[in-house]
Protein backbone atom coordinates (compact mmCIF):
# COMPACT_ATOMS: atom_id res chain seq x y z
CA UNK A 1 0.00 0.00 0.00
CA UNK A 2 1.66 3.21 -1.23
CA UNK A 3 1.43 6.34 0.95
CA UNK A 4 3.12 9.75 1.30
CA UNK A 5 5.21 10.00 4.45
CA UNK A 6 7.65 12.36 6.19
CA UNK A 7 10.84 10.35 6.37
CA UNK A 8 13.98 10.54 8.45
CA UNK A 9 16.72 9.36 6.09
CA UNK A 10 19.77 10.28 8.18
CA UNK A 11 20.17 11.63 11.70
CA UNK A 12 20.71 15.38 11.78
CA UNK A 13 19.71 15.86 8.14
CA UNK A 14 16.51 17.50 6.80
CA UNK A 15 13.46 15.24 6.63
CA UNK A 16 11.94 14.49 3.23
CA UNK A 17 8.48 13.53 1.96
CA UNK A 18 8.58 10.25 0.06
CA UNK A 19 6.26 7.58 -1.30
CA UNK A 20 6.62 4.39 0.72
CA UNK A 21 4.90 1.04 1.01
CA UNK A 22 3.44 0.33 4.45
CA UNK A 23 2.26 -3.19 3.69
CA UNK A 24 -1.08 -4.67 4.70
CA UNK A 25 -2.76 -4.85 8.10
CA UNK A 26 -2.45 -8.14 9.99
CA UNK A 27 -1.84 -9.54 13.50
CA UNK A 28 -3.74 -6.84 15.37
CA UNK A 29 -2.69 -3.91 13.18
CA UNK A 30 -5.10 -1.55 11.41
CA UNK A 31 -4.68 1.18 8.78
CA UNK A 32 -5.78 4.65 9.89
CA UNK A 33 -6.52 7.47 7.45
CA UNK A 34 -4.50 10.23 9.05
CA UNK A 35 -5.78 13.81 9.39
CA UNK A 36 -3.30 15.64 11.64
CA UNK A 37 -0.06 14.92 13.44
CA UNK A 38 1.32 16.73 16.46
CA UNK A 39 4.82 18.19 16.15
CA UNK A 40 6.74 17.89 19.41
CA UNK A 41 10.25 18.43 20.76
CA UNK A 42 10.53 14.65 21.11
CA UNK A 43 10.13 14.32 17.32
CA UNK A 44 12.91 16.86 16.81
CA UNK A 45 15.14 14.97 19.22
CA UNK A 46 14.40 11.73 17.37
CA UNK A 47 15.44 13.34 14.08
CA UNK A 48 18.70 14.40 15.70
CA UNK A 49 19.37 10.88 17.01
CA UNK A 50 19.16 12.02 20.63
CA UNK A 51 16.61 9.44 21.81
CA UNK A 52 17.86 6.01 22.88
CA UNK A 53 16.18 2.83 21.75
CA UNK A 54 14.58 4.01 18.50
CA UNK A 55 14.84 2.15 15.22
CA UNK A 56 17.47 3.33 12.76
CA UNK A 57 16.74 5.40 9.62
CA UNK A 58 15.15 5.38 7.17
CA UNK A 59 11.82 5.61 8.99
CA UNK A 60 8.69 7.71 9.36
CA UNK A 61 8.49 10.07 12.34
CA UNK A 62 5.51 11.30 14.39
CA UNK A 63 4.49 9.98 17.81
CA UNK A 64 0.93 11.36 18.01
CA UNK A 65 -1.87 12.09 15.58
CA UNK A 66 -5.53 11.82 14.73
CA UNK A 67 -7.56 10.43 11.88
CA UNK A 68 -10.34 8.00 11.07
CA UNK A 69 -10.78 4.24 10.95
CA UNK A 70 -13.77 3.30 8.81
CA UNK A 71 -15.14 6.80 9.43
CA UNK A 72 -14.68 6.60 13.21
CA UNK A 73 -12.62 9.52 14.66
CA UNK A 74 -9.60 8.25 16.59
CA UNK A 75 -6.48 9.55 18.27
CA UNK A 76 -3.31 7.43 17.91
CA UNK A 77 -0.33 7.19 20.26
CA UNK A 78 2.04 4.76 21.98
CA UNK A 79 3.12 1.16 21.35
CA UNK A 80 6.45 2.21 19.84
CA UNK A 81 4.87 4.43 17.18
CA UNK A 82 7.46 6.90 15.95
CA UNK A 83 10.19 5.14 17.91
CA UNK A 84 10.62 1.40 17.42
CA UNK A 85 8.18 1.33 14.49
CA UNK A 86 7.18 3.85 11.83
CA UNK A 87 5.37 6.94 13.04
CA UNK A 88 2.26 8.81 12.02
CA UNK A 89 3.41 11.58 9.69
CA UNK A 90 1.88 9.94 6.64
CA UNK A 91 -1.37 9.96 4.71
CA UNK A 92 -2.19 6.52 6.10
CA UNK A 93 -0.57 4.70 9.01
CA UNK A 94 -0.30 1.03 9.88
CA UNK A 95 -0.64 0.94 13.68
CA UNK A 96 -1.56 -1.48 16.47
CA UNK A 97 -5.30 -1.56 17.09
CA UNK A 98 -4.51 -1.11 20.79
CA UNK A 99 -3.01 2.33 20.06
CA UNK A 100 -6.39 3.79 19.05
CA UNK A 101 -8.33 6.03 21.43
CA UNK A 102 -11.85 7.17 20.54
CA UNK A 103 -12.30 10.91 20.09
CA UNK A 104 -15.40 12.14 21.95
CA UNK A 105 -18.20 13.98 20.16
CA UNK A 106 -17.52 17.70 20.17
CA UNK A 107 -13.72 17.38 19.86
CA UNK A 108 -12.30 18.11 16.43
CA UNK A 109 -9.47 16.07 14.97
CA UNK A 110 -7.00 18.96 14.99
CA UNK A 111 -7.34 19.41 18.76
CA UNK A 112 -7.32 15.65 19.32
CA UNK A 113 -3.95 15.39 17.56
CA UNK A 114 -2.42 17.45 20.37
CA UNK A 115 -3.58 15.21 23.20
CA UNK A 116 -1.10 12.36 22.99
CA UNK A 117 1.89 14.36 24.23
CA UNK A 118 1.20 18.00 25.14
CA UNK A 119 -2.44 17.59 26.17
CA UNK A 120 -2.02 14.61 28.44
CA UNK A 121 1.16 16.11 29.93
CA UNK A 122 -0.61 19.36 30.80
CA UNK A 123 -3.60 17.54 32.25
CA UNK A 124 -1.54 15.22 34.44
CA UNK A 125 0.91 17.88 35.59
CA UNK A 126 -1.91 20.01 36.98
CA UNK A 127 -4.42 17.43 38.22
CA UNK A 128 -2.30 14.41 39.14
CA UNK A 129 1.21 15.62 39.93
CA UNK A 130 0.73 19.10 41.43
CA UNK A 131 -2.89 18.41 42.48
CA UNK A 132 -3.87 22.04 41.90
CA UNK A 133 -7.02 23.33 43.63
CA UNK A 134 -8.83 26.65 43.74
CA UNK A 135 -6.76 27.59 46.80
CA UNK A 136 -3.45 27.45 44.91
CA UNK A 137 -1.35 30.20 43.39
CA UNK A 138 0.31 28.70 40.33
CA UNK A 139 3.32 29.99 38.39
CA UNK A 140 3.53 28.44 34.90
CA UNK A 141 6.92 28.73 33.24
CA UNK A 142 7.06 28.72 29.45
CA UNK A 143 3.39 29.66 29.38
CA UNK A 144 3.27 30.31 25.64
CA UNK A 145 4.40 26.80 24.70
CA UNK A 146 2.28 23.88 23.59
CA UNK A 147 2.14 22.34 27.07
CA UNK A 148 2.47 25.55 29.07
CA UNK A 149 -0.52 27.21 27.43
CA UNK A 150 -2.67 24.16 28.19
CA UNK A 151 -1.42 24.10 31.79
CA UNK A 152 -2.60 27.70 32.15
CA UNK A 153 -6.07 26.75 30.86
CA UNK A 154 -6.43 23.72 33.16
CA UNK A 155 -5.26 25.55 36.30
CA UNK A 156 -7.56 28.46 35.46
CA UNK A 157 -10.53 26.11 35.00
CA UNK A 158 -9.85 24.66 38.46
CA UNK A 159 -10.16 28.13 39.97
CA UNK A 160 -6.51 28.66 40.90
CA UNK A 161 -4.75 32.01 40.65
CA UNK A 162 -2.49 31.59 37.62
CA UNK A 163 0.54 33.61 36.56
CA UNK A 164 2.31 32.78 33.30
CA UNK A 165 5.99 33.41 32.56
CA UNK A 166 7.56 34.27 29.22
CA UNK A 167 10.72 36.01 28.07
CA UNK A 168 8.87 37.71 25.21
CA UNK A 169 6.69 40.72 25.98
CA UNK A 170 4.80 40.28 22.70
CA UNK A 171 3.34 37.00 24.00
CA UNK A 172 1.90 38.45 27.21
CA UNK A 173 -1.58 39.29 25.92
CA UNK A 174 -1.87 35.88 24.27
CA UNK A 175 -1.04 34.12 27.56
CA UNK A 176 -3.63 36.22 29.36
CA UNK A 177 -6.22 35.08 26.81
CA UNK A 178 -5.45 31.48 27.77
CA UNK A 179 -6.56 32.23 31.34
CA UNK A 180 -3.56 33.73 33.15
CA UNK A 181 -4.43 36.35 35.76
CA UNK A 182 -1.06 38.00 35.18
CA UNK A 183 1.99 37.53 32.98
CA UNK A 184 5.57 38.05 34.16
CA UNK A 185 8.19 38.77 31.53
CA UNK A 186 11.80 37.86 32.19
CA UNK A 187 14.33 35.08 32.62
CA UNK A 188 15.32 33.00 35.64
CA UNK A 189 17.28 35.81 37.25
CA UNK A 190 14.22 38.08 37.06
CA UNK A 191 11.79 35.77 38.86
CA UNK A 192 12.75 36.88 42.35
CA UNK A 193 11.46 40.34 41.46
CA UNK A 194 8.74 39.71 38.89
CA UNK A 195 6.93 36.78 40.54
CA UNK A 196 7.57 37.13 44.27
CA UNK A 197 4.31 39.00 44.81
CA UNK A 198 2.40 35.86 43.78
CA UNK A 199 3.80 33.81 46.71
CA UNK A 200 3.36 30.68 44.58
CA UNK A 201 2.25 27.43 46.14
CA UNK A 202 2.82 25.56 42.86
CA UNK A 203 5.32 25.97 40.01
CA UNK A 204 4.96 24.07 36.74
CA UNK A 205 8.40 23.93 35.12
CA UNK A 206 9.20 22.77 31.55
CA UNK A 207 12.41 24.83 31.42
CA UNK A 208 14.89 23.47 33.96
CA UNK A 209 18.33 25.06 33.96
CA UNK A 210 18.58 28.04 36.29
CA UNK A 211 14.78 28.37 36.42
CA UNK A 212 14.37 25.35 38.69
CA UNK A 213 16.58 26.68 41.45
CA UNK A 214 15.04 30.14 41.18
CA UNK A 215 11.57 28.64 41.59
CA UNK A 216 12.58 26.62 44.66
CA UNK A 217 13.69 29.89 46.26
CA UNK A 218 10.41 31.51 45.23
CA UNK A 219 7.99 28.81 46.38
CA UNK A 220 6.08 29.10 49.62
CA UNK A 221 6.77 26.59 52.43
CA UNK A 222 5.36 23.16 51.54
CA UNK A 223 5.07 24.25 47.95
CA UNK A 224 5.06 21.86 44.99
CA UNK A 225 7.38 21.96 42.00
CA UNK A 226 6.30 19.87 39.00
CA UNK A 227 8.95 19.55 36.30
CA UNK A 228 8.61 17.92 32.90
CA UNK A 229 11.30 19.46 30.72
CA UNK A 230 14.72 21.08 30.49
CA UNK A 231 14.48 23.30 27.41
CA UNK A 232 16.50 26.03 29.16
CA UNK A 233 19.23 23.64 30.31
CA UNK A 234 19.75 20.12 31.59
CA UNK A 235 21.74 21.28 34.60
CA UNK A 236 21.28 24.02 37.18
CA UNK A 237 22.08 24.90 40.76
CA UNK A 238 19.51 23.52 43.22
CA UNK A 239 19.40 25.37 46.57
CA UNK A 240 19.23 22.31 48.78
CA UNK A 241 18.75 24.17 52.02
CA UNK A 242 15.67 25.92 50.63
CA UNK A 243 14.44 22.63 49.17
CA UNK A 244 14.43 20.77 52.46
CA UNK A 245 14.07 23.78 54.73
CA UNK A 246 10.76 24.74 53.13
CA UNK A 247 9.66 21.11 52.72
CA UNK A 248 9.29 21.55 48.97
CA UNK A 249 7.93 18.52 47.11
CA UNK A 250 9.30 17.91 43.60
CA UNK A 251 7.31 15.89 41.08
CA UNK A 252 8.79 14.64 37.82
CA UNK A 253 6.86 13.53 34.74
CA UNK A 254 8.21 11.27 31.99
CA UNK A 255 5.49 10.15 29.60
CA UNK A 256 7.94 8.17 27.46
CA UNK A 257 8.32 5.50 30.19
CA UNK A 258 4.63 5.28 31.02
CA UNK A 259 2.72 2.05 30.41
CA UNK A 260 0.69 2.41 27.20
CA UNK A 261 -2.55 1.15 28.71
CA UNK A 262 -2.23 3.46 31.71
CA UNK A 263 -1.41 6.41 29.46
CA UNK A 264 -4.42 5.69 27.26
CA UNK A 265 -6.69 6.16 30.26
CA UNK A 266 -5.11 9.52 31.04
CA UNK A 267 -5.41 10.61 27.39
CA UNK A 268 -9.10 9.74 27.50
CA UNK A 269 -9.44 11.92 30.60
CA UNK A 270 -7.67 14.78 28.79
CA UNK A 271 -9.91 14.38 25.73
CA UNK A 272 -12.99 14.53 27.95
CA UNK A 273 -11.61 17.65 29.66
CA UNK A 274 -11.14 19.18 26.22
CA UNK A 275 -14.73 18.35 25.33
CA UNK A 276 -15.97 19.89 28.59
CA UNK A 277 -13.86 23.07 28.18
CA UNK A 278 -11.73 22.27 31.23
CA UNK A 279 -8.68 22.23 28.94
CA UNK A 280 -7.98 24.43 25.94
CA UNK A 281 -5.82 23.67 22.91
CA UNK A 282 -4.57 26.58 20.85
CA UNK A 283 -3.05 25.65 17.50
CA UNK A 284 -0.31 28.06 16.45
CA UNK A 285 -0.32 26.84 12.87
CA UNK A 286 -0.99 23.81 10.71
CA UNK A 287 1.86 23.08 8.33
CA UNK A 288 2.21 20.96 5.22
CA UNK A 289 4.39 17.83 5.40
CA UNK A 290 6.94 19.58 3.16
CA UNK A 291 7.29 22.27 5.85
CA UNK A 292 8.26 19.92 8.66
CA UNK A 293 11.86 21.14 8.77
CA UNK A 294 10.56 24.68 9.25
CA UNK A 295 8.44 23.35 12.11
CA UNK A 296 11.54 21.93 13.78
CA UNK A 297 13.28 25.28 13.34
CA UNK A 298 10.38 27.08 15.03
CA UNK A 299 10.51 24.65 17.95
CA UNK A 300 14.24 25.12 18.32
CA UNK A 301 13.89 28.91 18.28
CA UNK A 302 10.95 28.79 20.72
CA UNK A 303 8.98 30.68 18.09
CA UNK A 304 5.68 28.93 18.78
CA UNK A 305 2.58 30.06 20.65
CA UNK A 306 0.54 26.96 21.37
CA UNK A 307 0.71 23.78 19.33
CA UNK A 308 2.21 22.96 15.93
CA UNK A 309 0.39 20.44 13.74
CA UNK A 310 1.13 18.87 10.37
CA UNK A 311 -1.74 18.34 7.90
CA UNK A 312 -1.67 14.70 6.79
CA UNK A 313 -4.96 14.59 4.88
CA UNK A 314 -3.15 14.59 1.55
């Protein structure tokens, strides 16, 4: 079965769109007509050869997406898709039947394509890891990103006071529109001045680097720090006396090591939250498969507000 697919031919080299044969469905696999694929930092890292355990090129990338199976709207994720087997950035995808998650009525396929990585991460960081309530004061770092913007929407829906952080003043109004009560503009060194007035009880941190230590200093006693990324740096100075002296709890999230069946349940919860307007997805732009290298560039430059998608409808 011939399809168009976005292919990784060599690590560190531009991806190309090619015609490939995906074979026929058998042994529990099904063929999904793809509509949209999410574009994530993990896909960029895979293209660079920075993820252990993946199959070698040439292969198709894309770890999350949405489409239809016999007219039924589905979201697809997990079971080695985009890692140990070909991914979803193709007009049709041969995937395990177990990787399909029904998309609820009222959720469009573009939004559903963002739930397998960013959406479920945002939902779990707020509700499961940090356990945010309406009594919390939440500082969201990287609030204009794909996950950060959704975190803002979930925490706002729960009734918490939410401040979003960005280093770009031009993104402040956009973050406010996602539900932030206030936006602080600045880097890690600025947080002591810009965000201290919040007296945060919770920090959601996708940045790492010097931001993590700065947030530990900023958090209130018995505060919670939930970290799921290190886009600002893999290493930083952690003020250990403040960490234990204020009884700070640190939660880490790593969706890549989660059991696929367990993760499917959380994705279903996130899809239902999206349907019920307890979570908001904002799509920055939908790009053609031939533009995927530009999408990676935008991710690397942090030039995205919300979520990037690739149109796979052909």
